[in-house]
């Protein structure tokens, strides 16, 4: 499904929750700084917290109201930085965070899955503390491959947290439609967070979100930077950057350098998606908005310039139906 041509996309409804959000969010993985997961680097390298706060403020000034983080990111540090950025404007923003793993804040490390009822409630309380807020707008399960039977138990706890007013809605970060369906059976489930970008379509999940009235929150909308044009030169990333770890799931980068295959595919569509004065990143976001009215992409930012450029994409709106078709033809 595509949105109508020439429509300026600025707002979305967060699925069944009815919560109004900007059509663009900000992903807060990178601002968490260095951390490890099961002993492996999982952050995006060193960060400047003051610059992170300035970047988040720049996003807000550009019309962004939706911010997605996780207990994992920086082993809680991302939540702390985000909480600092929104401290004097909490009612103006929608905060989403994620849970499901054992987090060691002091050791900057994350380990095994922990989703017992007590652990879910404890994770919620810890996120509230780090964010400096009395409520979480969207609380998401971060364990994408959790067994469905265990997910049902987690869903029951989340329904209870909504009843108590601690959270407003919940969702699951998973790329598996069958797992998403388990959460969707809960009346206060509002979203699925899943991988989506112009080089990685996910029609099954988008169809599911639309049919169930769930928001489609899109991670990886810029292909971890490959779609921005910033890495066309092929420079090697720092060893503290998760993209340089050689993890099996890391398709966009190989040994710390951008994957040539992905760069070639991005180059093939660049002329189409940069129409109307868009940057490559803005064009990638425009494709996502053109793909479905349920989508809310959440590109990460580390600098004011990145935040301002991403927010400016809102004023360009989605690609037209003709442009969407041309992108599909070029990638076929």
C-alpha atoms as a PDB file:
ATOM      1  CA  UNK A   1       0.000   0.000   0.000  1.00  0.00           C
ATOM      2  CA  UNK A   2       1.236   3.504  -0.736  1.00  0.00           C
ATOM      3  CA  UNK A   3       0.097   6.835   0.594  1.00  0.00           C
ATOM      4  CA  UNK A   4      -1.449   9.266  -1.863  1.00  0.00           C
ATOM      5  CA  UNK A   5       0.866  11.309  -4.033  1.00  0.00           C
ATOM      6  CA  UNK A   6       1.887  14.774  -2.855  1.00  0.00           C
ATOM      7  CA  UNK A   7       0.734  14.083   0.700  1.00  0.00           C
ATOM      8  CA  UNK A   8       3.026  15.661   3.294  1.00  0.00           C
ATOM      9  CA  UNK A   9       3.501  13.045   5.998  1.00  0.00           C
ATOM     10  CA  UNK A  10       4.076  14.488   9.441  1.00  0.00           C
ATOM     11  CA  UNK A  11       1.890  12.515  11.899  1.00  0.00           C
ATOM     12  CA  UNK A  12       0.997   8.917  12.659  1.00  0.00           C
ATOM     13  CA  UNK A  13      -1.222   7.149  15.188  1.00  0.00           C
ATOM     14  CA  UNK A  14       0.586   4.541  17.252  1.00  0.00           C
ATOM     15  CA  UNK A  15      -1.662   1.651  16.349  1.00  0.00           C
ATOM     16  CA  UNK A  16      -4.548   0.735  18.637  1.00  0.00           C
ATOM     17  CA  UNK A  17      -3.249   2.966  21.426  1.00  0.00           C
ATOM     18  CA  UNK A  18      -4.501   6.087  19.681  1.00  0.00           C
ATOM     19  CA  UNK A  19      -1.292   7.860  20.756  1.00  0.00           C
ATOM     20  CA  UNK A  20      -0.366  10.610  18.296  1.00  0.00           C
ATOM     21  CA  UNK A  21       3.289  10.645  17.198  1.00  0.00           C
ATOM     22  CA  UNK A  22       5.416  12.250  14.535  1.00  0.00           C
ATOM     23  CA  UNK A  23       5.783  10.118  11.407  1.00  0.00           C
ATOM     24  CA  UNK A  24       9.507  10.135  12.110  1.00  0.00           C
ATOM     25  CA  UNK A  25      11.069   8.900  15.313  1.00  0.00           C
ATOM     26  CA  UNK A  26      14.616   8.835  16.633  1.00  0.00           C
ATOM     27  CA  UNK A  27      16.365   5.592  17.508  1.00  0.00           C
ATOM     28  CA  UNK A  28      18.637   5.963  20.543  1.00  0.00           C
ATOM     29  CA  UNK A  29      20.945   2.957  20.213  1.00  0.00           C
ATOM     30  CA  UNK A  30      23.998   4.974  19.175  1.00  0.00           C
ATOM     31  CA  UNK A  31      23.768   7.573  21.952  1.00  0.00           C
ATOM     32  CA  UNK A  32      24.170   4.827  24.551  1.00  0.00           C
ATOM     33  CA  UNK A  33      27.904   4.738  23.902  1.00  0.00           C
ATOM     34  CA  UNK A  34      30.068   1.605  24.278  1.00  0.00           C
ATOM     35  CA  UNK A  35      28.681  -1.584  25.835  1.00  0.00           C
ATOM     36  CA  UNK A  36      28.984  -5.301  25.369  1.00  0.00           C
ATOM     37  CA  UNK A  37      26.475  -8.086  24.877  1.00  0.00           C
ATOM     38  CA  UNK A  38      27.643 -11.563  25.803  1.00  0.00           C
ATOM     39  CA  UNK A  39      31.195 -10.220  25.684  1.00  0.00           C
ATOM     40  CA  UNK A  40      30.948  -8.678  22.204  1.00  0.00           C
ATOM     41  CA  UNK A  41      30.985  -4.967  21.362  1.00  0.00           C
ATOM     42  CA  UNK A  42      27.381  -3.852  20.840  1.00  0.00           C
ATOM     43  CA  UNK A  43      27.561  -0.050  20.819  1.00  0.00           C
ATOM     44  CA  UNK A  44      28.434   2.443  18.093  1.00  0.00           C
ATOM     45  CA  UNK A  45      31.608   3.753  19.706  1.00  0.00           C
ATOM     46  CA  UNK A  46      32.323   6.690  21.979  1.00  0.00           C
ATOM     47  CA  UNK A  47      29.761   9.488  22.208  1.00  0.00           C
ATOM     48  CA  UNK A  48      29.526  12.994  23.651  1.00  0.00           C
ATOM     49  CA  UNK A  49      26.474  13.105  25.926  1.00  0.00           C
ATOM     50  CA  UNK A  50      26.125  16.877  25.590  1.00  0.00           C
ATOM     51  CA  UNK A  51      26.103  16.573  21.800  1.00  0.00           C
ATOM     52  CA  UNK A  52      23.576  13.733  22.074  1.00  0.00           C
ATOM     53  CA  UNK A  53      21.238  15.963  24.089  1.00  0.00           C
ATOM     54  CA  UNK A  54      21.676  18.787  21.576  1.00  0.00           C
ATOM     55  CA  UNK A  55      20.876  16.347  18.759  1.00  0.00           C
ATOM     56  CA  UNK A  56      17.704  15.160  20.498  1.00  0.00           C
ATOM     57  CA  UNK A  57      16.655  18.774  21.059  1.00  0.00           C
ATOM     58  CA  UNK A  58      17.299  19.500  17.371  1.00  0.00           C
ATOM     59  CA  UNK A  59      15.050  16.585  16.426  1.00  0.00           C
ATOM     60  CA  UNK A  60      12.296  17.976  18.652  1.00  0.00           C
ATOM     61  CA  UNK A  61      12.706  21.421  17.103  1.00  0.00           C
ATOM     62  CA  UNK A  62      12.241  19.759  13.714  1.00  0.00           C
ATOM     63  CA  UNK A  63       8.908  18.238  14.720  1.00  0.00           C
ATOM     64  CA  UNK A  64       9.937  14.822  16.053  1.00  0.00           C
ATOM     65  CA  UNK A  65       7.981  13.649  19.102  1.00  0.00           C
ATOM     66  CA  UNK A  66       8.718   9.885  19.160  1.00  0.00           C
ATOM     67  CA  UNK A  67      11.904   8.504  20.728  1.00  0.00           C
ATOM     68  CA  UNK A  68      12.831   4.821  20.922  1.00  0.00           C
ATOM     69  CA  UNK A  69      15.482   3.449  23.265  1.00  0.00           C
ATOM     70  CA  UNK A  70      16.156   0.240  25.224  1.00  0.00           C
ATOM     71  CA  UNK A  71      17.575  -0.891  28.535  1.00  0.00           C
ATOM     72  CA  UNK A  72      20.298  -2.623  26.510  1.00  0.00           C
ATOM     73  CA  UNK A  73      21.646   0.496  24.817  1.00  0.00           C
ATOM     74  CA  UNK A  74      24.749   1.498  26.728  1.00  0.00           C
ATOM     75  CA  UNK A  75      23.489  -0.810  29.502  1.00  0.00           C
ATOM     76  CA  UNK A  76      20.980   1.865  30.471  1.00  0.00           C
ATOM     77  CA  UNK A  77      23.003   4.937  29.493  1.00  0.00           C
ATOM     78  CA  UNK A  78      20.860   5.734  26.449  1.00  0.00           C
ATOM     79  CA  UNK A  79      17.791   5.942  28.679  1.00  0.00           C
ATOM     80  CA  UNK A  80      19.628   8.289  31.039  1.00  0.00           C
ATOM     81  CA  UNK A  81      20.659  10.617  28.207  1.00  0.00           C
ATOM     82  CA  UNK A  82      17.181  10.570  26.676  1.00  0.00           C
ATOM     83  CA  UNK A  83      15.627  11.280  30.063  1.00  0.00           C
ATOM     84  CA  UNK A  84      17.930  14.252  30.475  1.00  0.00           C
ATOM     85  CA  UNK A  85      16.955  15.592  27.042  1.00  0.00           C
ATOM     86  CA  UNK A  86      13.199  15.435  27.684  1.00  0.00           C
ATOM     87  CA  UNK A  87      13.191  16.341  31.381  1.00  0.00           C
ATOM     88  CA  UNK A  88      11.514  19.711  30.876  1.00  0.00           C
ATOM     89  CA  UNK A  89       9.213  18.614  28.033  1.00  0.00           C
ATOM     90  CA  UNK A  90       8.030  15.130  29.020  1.00  0.00           C
ATOM     91  CA  UNK A  91       4.383  15.777  28.124  1.00  0.00           C
ATOM     92  CA  UNK A  92       5.387  16.842  24.607  1.00  0.00           C
ATOM     93  CA  UNK A  93       7.092  13.589  23.654  1.00  0.00           C
ATOM     94  CA  UNK A  94       6.296   9.888  23.369  1.00  0.00           C
ATOM     95  CA  UNK A  95       8.912   7.589  24.890  1.00  0.00           C
ATOM     96  CA  UNK A  96       9.357   3.964  23.876  1.00  0.00           C
ATOM     97  CA  UNK A  97      11.841   1.608  25.466  1.00  0.00           C
ATOM     98  CA  UNK A  98      12.575  -2.110  25.414  1.00  0.00           C
ATOM     99  CA  UNK A  99      13.286  -4.892  27.906  1.00  0.00           C
ATOM    100  CA  UNK A 100      14.087  -8.581  28.094  1.00  0.00           C
ATOM    101  CA  UNK A 101      17.752  -8.987  29.005  1.00  0.00           C
ATOM    102  CA  UNK A 102      19.856  -8.854  32.171  1.00  0.00           C
ATOM    103  CA  UNK A 103      21.544  -5.431  32.267  1.00  0.00           C
ATOM    104  CA  UNK A 104      24.632  -4.580  34.324  1.00  0.00           C
ATOM    105  CA  UNK A 105      24.742  -0.775  34.384  1.00  0.00           C
ATOM    106  CA  UNK A 106      28.037  -0.530  36.252  1.00  0.00           C
ATOM    107  CA  UNK A 107      29.782  -3.066  34.049  1.00  0.00           C
ATOM    108  CA  UNK A 108      28.289  -1.677  30.813  1.00  0.00           C
ATOM    109  CA  UNK A 109      27.265  -5.183  29.831  1.00  0.00           C
ATOM    110  CA  UNK A 110      24.152  -7.107  28.831  1.00  0.00           C
ATOM    111  CA  UNK A 111      23.727 -10.863  29.114  1.00  0.00           C
ATOM    112  CA  UNK A 112      21.029 -13.530  28.943  1.00  0.00           C
ATOM    113  CA  UNK A 113      17.289 -13.281  28.463  1.00  0.00           C
ATOM    114  CA  UNK A 114      15.288 -12.522  31.616  1.00  0.00           C
ATOM    115  CA  UNK A 115      11.532 -12.261  31.101  1.00  0.00           C
ATOM    116  CA  UNK A 116      10.012 -13.736  34.244  1.00  0.00           C
ATOM    117  CA  UNK A 117       7.107 -11.660  35.587  1.00  0.00           C
ATOM    118  CA  UNK A 118       9.340 -10.253  38.324  1.00  0.00           C
ATOM    119  CA  UNK A 119      12.057  -9.418  35.806  1.00  0.00           C
ATOM    120  CA  UNK A 120       9.631  -7.606  33.492  1.00  0.00           C
ATOM    121  CA  UNK A 121       8.333  -5.506  36.356  1.00  0.00           C
ATOM    122  CA  UNK A 122      11.850  -4.839  37.601  1.00  0.00           C
ATOM    123  CA  UNK A 123      12.965  -3.809  34.116  1.00  0.00           C
ATOM    124  CA  UNK A 124      10.047  -1.414  33.894  1.00  0.00           C
ATOM    125  CA  UNK A 125      10.929   0.171  37.237  1.00  0.00           C
ATOM    126  CA  UNK A 126      14.586   0.527  36.257  1.00  0.00           C
ATOM    127  CA  UNK A 127      13.701   2.134  32.929  1.00  0.00           C
ATOM    128  CA  UNK A 128      11.365   4.564  34.680  1.00  0.00           C
ATOM    129  CA  UNK A 129      14.221   5.511  37.005  1.00  0.00           C
ATOM    130  CA  UNK A 130      16.754   6.025  34.230  1.00  0.00           C
ATOM    131  CA  UNK A 131      14.320   7.969  32.051  1.00  0.00           C
ATOM    132  CA  UNK A 132      13.262  10.102  35.010  1.00  0.00           C
ATOM    133  CA  UNK A 133       9.582   9.661  34.244  1.00  0.00           C
ATOM    134  CA  UNK A 134       6.442   8.310  35.906  1.00  0.00           C
ATOM    135  CA  UNK A 135       5.229   6.430  32.843  1.00  0.00           C
ATOM    136  CA  UNK A 136       6.443   4.745  29.676  1.00  0.00           C
ATOM    137  CA  UNK A 137       4.336   5.323  26.586  1.00  0.00           C
ATOM    138  CA  UNK A 138       5.386   2.144  24.756  1.00  0.00           C
ATOM    139  CA  UNK A 139       7.130  -0.792  26.476  1.00  0.00           C
ATOM    140  CA  UNK A 140       8.515  -3.324  24.003  1.00  0.00           C
ATOM    141  CA  UNK A 141       9.831  -6.854  24.336  1.00  0.00           C
ATOM    142  CA  UNK A 142      13.372  -6.795  22.910  1.00  0.00           C
ATOM    143  CA  UNK A 143      13.865 -10.564  22.538  1.00  0.00           C
ATOM    144  CA  UNK A 144      12.895 -11.129  18.920  1.00  0.00           C
ATOM    145  CA  UNK A 145      13.013 -14.928  19.007  1.00  0.00           C
ATOM    146  CA  UNK A 146      11.364 -15.602  22.368  1.00  0.00           C
ATOM    147  CA  UNK A 147       9.260 -18.766  22.411  1.00  0.00           C
ATOM    148  CA  UNK A 148       5.553 -17.973  21.809  1.00  0.00           C
ATOM    149  CA  UNK A 149       4.433 -19.705  25.027  1.00  0.00           C
ATOM    150  CA  UNK A 150       6.758 -17.519  27.097  1.00  0.00           C
ATOM    151  CA  UNK A 151       5.645 -14.474  25.131  1.00  0.00           C
ATOM    152  CA  UNK A 152       2.061 -15.116  26.211  1.00  0.00           C
ATOM    153  CA  UNK A 153       3.167 -14.896  29.835  1.00  0.00           C
ATOM    154  CA  UNK A 154       5.038 -11.651  29.141  1.00  0.00           C
ATOM    155  CA  UNK A 155       1.976 -10.241  27.411  1.00  0.00           C
ATOM    156  CA  UNK A 156      -0.131 -10.910  30.506  1.00  0.00           C
ATOM    157  CA  UNK A 157       2.331  -8.965  32.671  1.00  0.00           C
ATOM    158  CA  UNK A 158       2.281  -6.066  30.207  1.00  0.00           C
ATOM    159  CA  UNK A 159      -1.513  -5.946  30.237  1.00  0.00           C
ATOM    160  CA  UNK A 160      -1.257  -5.623  34.014  1.00  0.00           C
ATOM    161  CA  UNK A 161       1.224  -2.758  33.735  1.00  0.00           C
ATOM    162  CA  UNK A 162      -1.193  -0.927  31.438  1.00  0.00           C
ATOM    163  CA  UNK A 163      -3.983  -1.440  33.976  1.00  0.00           C
ATOM    164  CA  UNK A 164      -1.735   0.037  36.660  1.00  0.00           C
ATOM    165  CA  UNK A 165      -0.900   3.097  34.547  1.00  0.00           C
ATOM    166  CA  UNK A 166       2.829   2.402  34.496  1.00  0.00           C
ATOM    167  CA  UNK A 167       2.840   1.963  30.723  1.00  0.00           C
ATOM    168  CA  UNK A 168       0.333   3.169  28.132  1.00  0.00           C
ATOM    169  CA  UNK A 169       0.823   0.425  25.538  1.00  0.00           C
ATOM    170  CA  UNK A 170       3.206  -2.353  24.574  1.00  0.00           C
ATOM    171  CA  UNK A 171       4.717  -4.051  21.550  1.00  0.00           C
ATOM    172  CA  UNK A 172       7.317  -6.553  20.395  1.00  0.00           C
ATOM    173  CA  UNK A 173      10.556  -5.960  18.513  1.00  0.00           C
ATOM    174  CA  UNK A 174      10.562  -8.989  16.221  1.00  0.00           C
ATOM    175  CA  UNK A 175      10.804  -9.805  12.529  1.00  0.00           C
ATOM    176  CA  UNK A 176       8.620 -12.895  12.904  1.00  0.00           C
ATOM    177  CA  UNK A 177       4.951 -12.420  11.990  1.00  0.00           C
ATOM    178  CA  UNK A 178       3.812 -15.503  13.907  1.00  0.00           C
ATOM    179  CA  UNK A 179       5.426 -14.201  17.075  1.00  0.00           C
ATOM    180  CA  UNK A 180       3.958 -10.750  16.514  1.00  0.00           C
ATOM    181  CA  UNK A 181       0.557 -12.400  16.253  1.00  0.00           C
ATOM    182  CA  UNK A 182       0.935 -13.715  19.826  1.00  0.00           C
ATOM    183  CA  UNK A 183       1.280 -10.180  21.176  1.00  0.00           C
ATOM    184  CA  UNK A 184      -1.406  -8.803  18.870  1.00  0.00           C
ATOM    185  CA  UNK A 185      -3.937 -10.990  20.704  1.00  0.00           C
ATOM    186  CA  UNK A 186      -3.556  -8.598  23.626  1.00  0.00           C
ATOM    187  CA  UNK A 187      -5.933  -5.605  23.436  1.00  0.00           C
ATOM    188  CA  UNK A 188      -3.309  -3.025  24.456  1.00  0.00           C
ATOM    189  CA  UNK A 189      -0.653  -4.209  22.023  1.00  0.00           C
ATOM    190  CA  UNK A 190       0.058  -1.198  19.792  1.00  0.00           C
ATOM    191  CA  UNK A 191       3.067  -1.983  17.624  1.00  0.00           C
ATOM    192  CA  UNK A 192       5.646  -4.251  16.088  1.00  0.00           C
ATOM    193  CA  UNK A 193       9.195  -2.985  15.713  1.00  0.00           C
ATOM    194  CA  UNK A 194      10.879  -4.661  12.751  1.00  0.00           C
ATOM    195  CA  UNK A 195      13.568  -4.279  10.130  1.00  0.00           C
ATOM    196  CA  UNK A 196      12.518  -2.233   7.098  1.00  0.00           C
ATOM    197  CA  UNK A 197      14.311  -0.135   4.521  1.00  0.00           C
ATOM    198  CA  UNK A 198      14.262   0.476   0.788  1.00  0.00           C
ATOM    199  CA  UNK A 199      16.628  -2.462   0.233  1.00  0.00           C
ATOM    200  CA  UNK A 200      14.837  -4.769   2.700  1.00  0.00           C
ATOM    201  CA  UNK A 201      11.099  -4.782   2.207  1.00  0.00           C
ATOM    202  CA  UNK A 202       8.899  -6.803   4.553  1.00  0.00           C
ATOM    203  CA  UNK A 203       5.463  -7.119   2.928  1.00  0.00           C
ATOM    204  CA  UNK A 204       4.238  -9.861   5.263  1.00  0.00           C
ATOM    205  CA  UNK A 205       4.879  -7.804   8.398  1.00  0.00           C
ATOM    206  CA  UNK A 206       3.486  -4.615   6.880  1.00  0.00           C
ATOM    207  CA  UNK A 207       0.317  -6.427   5.816  1.00  0.00           C
ATOM    208  CA  UNK A 208       0.009  -7.860   9.314  1.00  0.00           C
ATOM    209  CA  UNK A 209       0.434  -4.478  11.003  1.00  0.00           C
ATOM    210  CA  UNK A 210      -2.155  -2.870   8.768  1.00  0.00           C
ATOM    211  CA  UNK A 211      -4.667  -5.699   9.237  1.00  0.00           C
ATOM    212  CA  UNK A 212      -4.252  -5.654  13.043  1.00  0.00           C
ATOM    213  CA  UNK A 213      -4.133  -1.847  13.410  1.00  0.00           C
ATOM    214  CA  UNK A 214      -0.599  -1.919  14.774  1.00  0.00           C
ATOM    215  CA  UNK A 215       2.095   0.674  14.229  1.00  0.00           C
ATOM    216  CA  UNK A 216       5.018  -0.557  12.141  1.00  0.00           C
ATOM    217  CA  UNK A 217       8.089   0.888  13.887  1.00  0.00           C
ATOM    218  CA  UNK A 218      11.021   0.564  11.528  1.00  0.00           C
ATOM    219  CA  UNK A 219      14.552  -0.111  12.701  1.00  0.00           C
ATOM    220  CA  UNK A 220      17.444   0.026  10.251  1.00  0.00           C
ATOM    221  CA  UNK A 221      15.658   2.528   7.966  1.00  0.00           C
ATOM    222  CA  UNK A 222      19.013   3.859   6.716  1.00  0.00           C
ATOM    223  CA  UNK A 223      20.737   0.475   6.550  1.00  0.00           C
ATOM    224  CA  UNK A 224      22.971   1.357   9.507  1.00  0.00           C
ATOM    225  CA  UNK A 225      24.338   4.233   7.424  1.00  0.00           C
ATOM    226  CA  UNK A 226      24.807   2.496   4.070  1.00  0.00           C
ATOM    227  CA  UNK A 227      21.806   4.317   2.578  1.00  0.00           C
ATOM    228  CA  UNK A 228      23.062   7.763   3.596  1.00  0.00           C
ATOM    229  CA  UNK A 229      25.986   7.915   1.171  1.00  0.00           C
ATOM    230  CA  UNK A 230      28.345   8.638   4.057  1.00  0.00           C
ATOM    231  CA  UNK A 231      30.228   5.356   3.624  1.00  0.00           C
ATOM    232  CA  UNK A 232      30.559   5.239  -0.159  1.00  0.00           C
ATOM    233  CA  UNK A 233      34.335   5.643   0.187  1.00  0.00           C
ATOM    234  CA  UNK A 234      34.587   2.343   2.032  1.00  0.00           C
ATOM    235  CA  UNK A 235      36.479   3.600   5.100  1.00  0.00           C
ATOM    236  CA  UNK A 236      36.938   1.138   7.964  1.00  0.00           C
ATOM    237  CA  UNK A 237      35.005   1.775  11.165  1.00  0.00           C
ATOM    238  CA  UNK A 238      36.413   1.812  14.695  1.00  0.00           C
ATOM    239  CA  UNK A 239      36.808  -1.532  16.445  1.00  0.00           C
ATOM    240  CA  UNK A 240      34.423  -0.273  19.161  1.00  0.00           C
ATOM    241  CA  UNK A 241      31.625   0.099  16.582  1.00  0.00           C
ATOM    242  CA  UNK A 242      29.127  -2.782  16.440  1.00  0.00           C
ATOM    243  CA  UNK A 243      29.272  -2.582  12.644  1.00  0.00           C
ATOM    244  CA  UNK A 244      32.930  -3.668  12.777  1.00  0.00           C
ATOM    245  CA  UNK A 245      32.478  -6.763  14.945  1.00  0.00           C
ATOM    246  CA  UNK A 246      31.883  -9.220  12.112  1.00  0.00           C
ATOM    247  CA  UNK A 247      28.692 -10.499  13.749  1.00  0.00           C
ATOM    248  CA  UNK A 248      26.821 -13.050  11.641  1.00  0.00           C
ATOM    249  CA  UNK A 249      23.736 -10.823  11.432  1.00  0.00           C
ATOM    250  CA  UNK A 250      25.713  -7.786  10.233  1.00  0.00           C
ATOM    251  CA  UNK A 251      24.839  -7.723   6.536  1.00  0.00           C
ATOM    252  CA  UNK A 252      25.516  -4.036   5.826  1.00  0.00           C
ATOM    253  CA  UNK A 253      29.203  -4.086   6.797  1.00  0.00           C
ATOM    254  CA  UNK A 254      31.930  -6.703   6.362  1.00  0.00           C
ATOM    255  CA  UNK A 255      34.948  -6.496   8.674  1.00  0.00           C
ATOM    256  CA  UNK A 256      34.145  -2.889   9.447  1.00  0.00           C
ATOM    257  CA  UNK A 257      33.752  -1.768   5.834  1.00  0.00           C
ATOM    258  CA  UNK A 258      30.473  -1.204   3.964  1.00  0.00           C
ATOM    259  CA  UNK A 259      29.274  -4.239   2.029  1.00  0.00           C
ATOM    260  CA  UNK A 260      29.951  -3.475  -1.689  1.00  0.00           C
ATOM    261  CA  UNK A 261      26.784  -5.288  -2.739  1.00  0.00           C
ATOM    262  CA  UNK A 262      24.635  -3.047  -0.557  1.00  0.00           C
ATOM    263  CA  UNK A 263      26.465   0.063  -1.734  1.00  0.00           C
ATOM    264  CA  UNK A 264      25.814  -0.906  -5.358  1.00  0.00           C
ATOM    265  CA  UNK A 265      22.112  -1.445  -4.759  1.00  0.00           C
ATOM    266  CA  UNK A 266      21.868   1.878  -2.918  1.00  0.00           C
ATOM    267  CA  UNK A 267      23.607   3.630  -5.812  1.00  0.00           C
ATOM    268  CA  UNK A 268      21.173   2.095  -8.307  1.00  0.00           C
ATOM    269  CA  UNK A 269      18.175   3.848  -6.761  1.00  0.00           C
ATOM    270  CA  UNK A 270      19.830   7.054  -5.594  1.00  0.00           C
ATOM    271  CA  UNK A 271      18.688   9.234  -8.486  1.00  0.00           C
ATOM    272  CA  UNK A 272      15.047   8.304  -7.897  1.00  0.00           C
ATOM    273  CA  UNK A 273      14.963   8.682  -4.125  1.00  0.00           C
ATOM    274  CA  UNK A 274      16.854  11.996  -4.125  1.00  0.00           C
ATOM    275  CA  UNK A 275      14.293  13.689  -6.360  1.00  0.00           C
ATOM    276  CA  UNK A 276      12.933  17.024  -5.201  1.00  0.00           C
ATOM    277  CA  UNK A 277      16.145  17.980  -3.440  1.00  0.00           C
ATOM    278  CA  UNK A 278      16.149  15.127  -0.944  1.00  0.00           C
ATOM    279  CA  UNK A 279      19.391  13.785   0.483  1.00  0.00           C
ATOM    280  CA  UNK A 280      19.932  10.012   0.166  1.00  0.00           C
ATOM    281  CA  UNK A 281      18.856   9.563   3.804  1.00  0.00           C
ATOM    282  CA  UNK A 282      15.729  11.660   3.294  1.00  0.00           C
ATOM    283  CA  UNK A 283      14.930   9.620   0.195  1.00  0.00           C
ATOM    284  CA  UNK A 284      15.252   6.367   2.123  1.00  0.00           C
ATOM    285  CA  UNK A 285      12.800   7.685   4.724  1.00  0.00           C
ATOM    286  CA  UNK A 286      10.458   8.880   1.966  1.00  0.00           C
ATOM    287  CA  UNK A 287      10.334   5.340   0.585  1.00  0.00           C
ATOM    288  CA  UNK A 288       9.286   3.986   3.987  1.00  0.00           C
ATOM    289  CA  UNK A 289       6.459   6.530   4.282  1.00  0.00           C
ATOM    290  CA  UNK A 290       5.360   5.669   0.764  1.00  0.00           C
ATOM    291  CA  UNK A 291       5.348   1.991   1.592  1.00  0.00           C
ATOM    292  CA  UNK A 292       2.593   1.993   4.239  1.00  0.00           C
ATOM    293  CA  UNK A 293       0.537   4.443   6.315  1.00  0.00           C
ATOM    294  CA  UNK A 294       1.444   2.410   9.423  1.00  0.00           C
ATOM    295  CA  UNK A 295       5.194   3.065   9.260  1.00  0.00           C
ATOM    296  CA  UNK A 296       7.251   5.086  11.743  1.00  0.00           C
ATOM    297  CA  UNK A 297      10.973   4.916  10.864  1.00  0.00           C
ATOM    298  CA  UNK A 298      13.417   5.488  13.724  1.00  0.00           C
ATOM    299  CA  UNK A 299      16.839   6.418  12.325  1.00  0.00           C
ATOM    300  CA  UNK A 300      19.559   6.951  14.889  1.00  0.00           C
ATOM    301  CA  UNK A 301      21.406  10.229  15.390  1.00  0.00           C
ATOM    302  CA  UNK A 302      24.643  11.244  17.053  1.00  0.00           C
ATOM    303  CA  UNK A 303      24.967  14.854  15.907  1.00  0.00           C
ATOM    304  CA  UNK A 304      22.804  17.942  15.544  1.00  0.00           C
ATOM    305  CA  UNK A 305      23.407  17.924  11.783  1.00  0.00           C
ATOM    306  CA  UNK A 306      22.081  14.371  11.453  1.00  0.00           C
ATOM    307  CA  UNK A 307      19.018  15.163  13.547  1.00  0.00           C
ATOM    308  CA  UNK A 308      18.197  18.297  11.558  1.00  0.00           C
ATOM    309  CA  UNK A 309      18.633  16.565   8.207  1.00  0.00           C
ATOM    310  CA  UNK A 310      16.450  13.610   9.199  1.00  0.00           C
ATOM    311  CA  UNK A 311      13.714  15.867  10.591  1.00  0.00           C
ATOM    312  CA  UNK A 312      13.715  17.886   7.367  1.00  0.00           C
ATOM    313  CA  UNK A 313      12.582  14.726   5.565  1.00  0.00           C
ATOM    314  CA  UNK A 314       9.138  15.245   7.099  1.00  0.00           C
ATOM    315  CA  UNK A 315       8.563  18.272   4.903  1.00  0.00           C
ATOM    316  CA  UNK A 316       9.426  16.341   1.732  1.00  0.00           C
ATOM    317  CA  UNK A 317       6.902  13.624   2.544  1.00  0.00           C
ATOM    318  CA  UNK A 318       6.689  10.190   0.879  1.00  0.00           C
ATOM    319  CA  UNK A 319       7.826   9.200  -2.585  1.00  0.00           C
ATOM    320  CA  UNK A 320       5.077   9.257  -5.192  1.00  0.00           C
ATOM    321  CA  UNK A 321       3.496   6.059  -6.450  1.00  0.00           C
ATOM    322  CA  UNK A 322       5.416   6.470  -9.716  1.00  0.00           C
ATOM    323  CA  UNK A 323       8.705   6.785  -7.829  1.00  0.00           C
ATOM    324  CA  UNK A 324       7.880   3.789  -5.645  1.00  0.00           C
ATOM    325  CA  UNK A 325       7.244   1.722  -8.761  1.00  0.00           C
ATOM    326  CA  UNK A 326      10.519   2.859 -10.324  1.00  0.00           C
ATOM    327  CA  UNK A 327      12.471   1.870  -7.211  1.00  0.00           C
ATOM    328  CA  UNK A 328      10.826  -1.559  -7.300  1.00  0.00           C
ATOM    329  CA  UNK A 329      11.773  -1.940 -10.971  1.00  0.00           C
ATOM    330  CA  UNK A 330      15.400  -0.976 -10.368  1.00  0.00           C
ATOM    331  CA  UNK A 331      15.761  -3.425  -7.485  1.00  0.00           C
ATOM    332  CA  UNK A 332      13.940  -6.322  -9.175  1.00  0.00           C
END
